[in-house]
Amino acid sequence: MYSYEKDYNAETDDTYGKISRALKAGGYIILSYVDMKQILESNFKDEFKKYYILNICKPLAAKEIMAQDERMGLFIPCKMSIFATDSGSHVSLLRVSEMAKDYLHEESMVKKYEDEVISILDSIS
């Protein structure tokens, strides 16, 4: 499975705020934030649901992962999407560890940090 999925009973912006605060408390930073709704609506003049793409990083983790194998740079930063659903919002986290295992044919310490982000997501209600 290449992604971790979780549904929240909160609006997309509320979910984004909770996730941002929880990641920051865990030592992560949001490197970039893409508002797909704004981009698509401005280019196609149609309405789209709220959809955010985040690139997140924990600098200490990046340092450790790159020290283990520089090829891991292909898989950082971590990518997450948050989008509106009928019942609230949905979050998808790309499981970099699975992709790295297929690419490098070995386990990587990236799983440790991936599990940490999943734990953060699971702690949010």
Protein backbone atom coordinates (compact mmCIF):
# COMPACT_ATOMS: atom_id res chain seq x y z
CA MET A 1 0.00 0.00 0.00
CA TYR A 2 1.52 3.29 -1.10
CA SER A 3 -0.62 5.61 1.00
CA TYR A 4 -2.03 6.07 4.47
CA GLU A 5 -5.63 7.32 4.44
CA LYS A 6 -7.70 8.92 7.19
CA ASP A 7 -11.10 10.64 7.31
CA TYR A 8 -11.92 13.50 9.68
CA ASN A 9 -15.34 14.83 10.69
CA ALA A 10 -14.15 18.42 10.30
CA GLU A 11 -14.05 20.92 7.47
CA THR A 12 -10.94 20.91 5.33
CA ASP A 13 -9.54 24.19 6.69
CA ASP A 14 -10.05 23.02 10.28
CA THR A 15 -8.31 19.73 9.51
CA TYR A 16 -5.45 21.59 7.83
CA GLY A 17 -5.05 23.82 10.91
CA LYS A 18 -5.02 20.88 13.32
CA ILE A 19 -2.53 18.96 11.21
CA SER A 20 -0.27 22.02 10.80
CA ARG A 21 -0.16 22.62 14.55
CA ALA A 22 0.43 18.95 15.36
CA LEU A 23 3.21 18.62 12.79
CA LYS A 24 4.91 21.77 14.09
CA ALA A 25 4.73 20.43 17.65
CA GLY A 26 6.42 17.25 16.37
CA GLY A 27 9.31 19.16 14.79
CA TYR A 28 7.99 19.13 11.23
CA ILE A 29 7.71 22.08 8.90
CA ILE A 30 5.44 22.63 5.91
CA LEU A 31 7.77 23.47 3.05
CA SER A 32 5.01 24.18 0.58
CA TYR A 33 1.26 24.41 0.47
CA VAL A 34 -0.61 24.17 -2.83
CA ASP A 35 -4.24 25.28 -2.96
CA MET A 36 -5.51 23.19 -5.87
CA LYS A 37 -9.03 24.64 -5.62
CA GLN A 38 -7.69 28.15 -6.22
CA ILE A 39 -5.40 27.03 -9.06
CA LEU A 40 -8.09 25.03 -10.86
CA GLU A 41 -10.81 27.63 -10.43
CA SER A 42 -8.60 30.44 -11.70
CA ASN A 43 -7.58 28.44 -14.76
CA PHE A 44 -10.81 26.67 -15.66
CA LYS A 45 -13.52 28.99 -14.27
CA ASP A 46 -15.30 26.00 -12.72
CA GLU A 47 -15.96 25.32 -9.04
CA PHE A 48 -13.83 22.72 -7.30
CA LYS A 49 -13.84 21.33 -3.79
CA LYS A 50 -11.14 22.36 -1.32
CA TYR A 51 -7.97 20.40 -2.00
CA TYR A 52 -4.56 21.11 -0.50
CA ILE A 53 -1.23 19.45 -1.24
CA LEU A 54 1.46 19.76 1.42
CA ASN A 55 5.15 19.00 1.30
CA ILE A 56 6.34 18.37 4.84
CA CYS A 57 9.79 17.83 6.28
CA LYS A 58 11.49 17.22 9.59
CA PRO A 59 14.99 18.62 9.08
CA LEU A 60 16.59 16.14 11.50
CA ALA A 61 14.90 13.25 9.67
CA ALA A 62 16.05 14.53 6.28
CA LYS A 63 19.62 14.72 7.55
CA GLU A 64 19.52 11.14 8.87
CA ILE A 65 17.79 9.74 5.79
CA MET A 66 20.20 11.44 3.38
CA ALA A 67 23.18 10.26 5.44
CA GLN A 68 21.96 6.68 5.11
CA ASP A 69 21.61 6.87 1.32
CA GLU A 70 21.73 10.00 -0.81
CA ARG A 71 19.37 8.41 -3.34
CA MET A 72 16.64 8.89 -0.72
CA GLY A 73 16.54 12.52 -1.77
CA LEU A 74 14.11 11.38 -4.46
CA PHE A 75 11.55 10.66 -1.75
CA ILE A 76 11.73 13.75 0.42
CA PRO A 77 9.93 15.86 1.40
CA CYS A 78 6.88 13.84 2.39
CA LYS A 79 3.73 14.58 0.43
CA MET A 80 0.27 14.83 1.95
CA SER A 81 -3.10 15.83 0.53
CA ILE A 82 -6.12 17.15 2.42
CA PHE A 83 -9.43 17.47 0.61
CA ALA A 84 -13.10 18.05 1.26
CA THR A 85 -15.57 15.16 1.43
CA ASP A 86 -19.31 15.02 2.01
CA SER A 87 -18.71 14.11 5.66
CA GLY A 88 -15.75 16.42 6.39
CA SER A 89 -12.25 15.95 5.04
CA HIS A 90 -9.86 13.23 3.94
CA VAL A 91 -6.09 13.03 4.36
CA SER A 92 -3.72 10.93 2.26
CA LEU A 93 -0.05 10.53 3.13
CA LEU A 94 2.29 9.03 0.57
CA ARG A 95 4.08 6.04 2.12
CA VAL A 96 7.60 6.84 1.05
CA SER A 97 8.97 3.76 2.82
CA GLU A 98 7.16 1.44 0.40
CA MET A 99 8.44 3.30 -2.65
CA ALA A 100 11.96 3.44 -1.24
CA LYS A 101 11.93 -0.30 -0.54
CA ASP A 102 10.92 -1.02 -4.14
CA TYR A 103 13.56 1.38 -5.48
CA LEU A 104 16.50 0.59 -3.19
CA HIS A 105 15.61 -3.06 -2.49
CA GLU A 106 16.35 -2.52 1.20
CA GLU A 107 14.72 -1.12 4.30
CA SER A 108 15.24 2.54 5.01
CA MET A 109 15.06 4.53 8.22
CA VAL A 110 12.39 6.63 6.50
CA LYS A 111 9.77 4.23 7.93
CA LYS A 112 10.56 5.48 11.44
CA TYR A 113 9.57 9.03 10.49
CA GLU A 114 6.68 7.93 8.34
CA ASP A 115 5.27 6.09 11.37
CA GLU A 116 5.80 9.24 13.41
CA VAL A 117 3.69 11.31 10.97
CA ILE A 118 1.00 8.62 10.94
CA SER A 119 0.96 8.71 14.75
CA ILE A 120 0.51 12.48 14.61
CA LEU A 121 -2.38 12.11 12.15
CA ASP A 122 -3.97 9.43 14.33
CA SER A 123 -3.77 11.68 17.38
CA ILE A 124 -5.97 14.32 15.73
CA SER A 125 -9.72 13.99 16.16
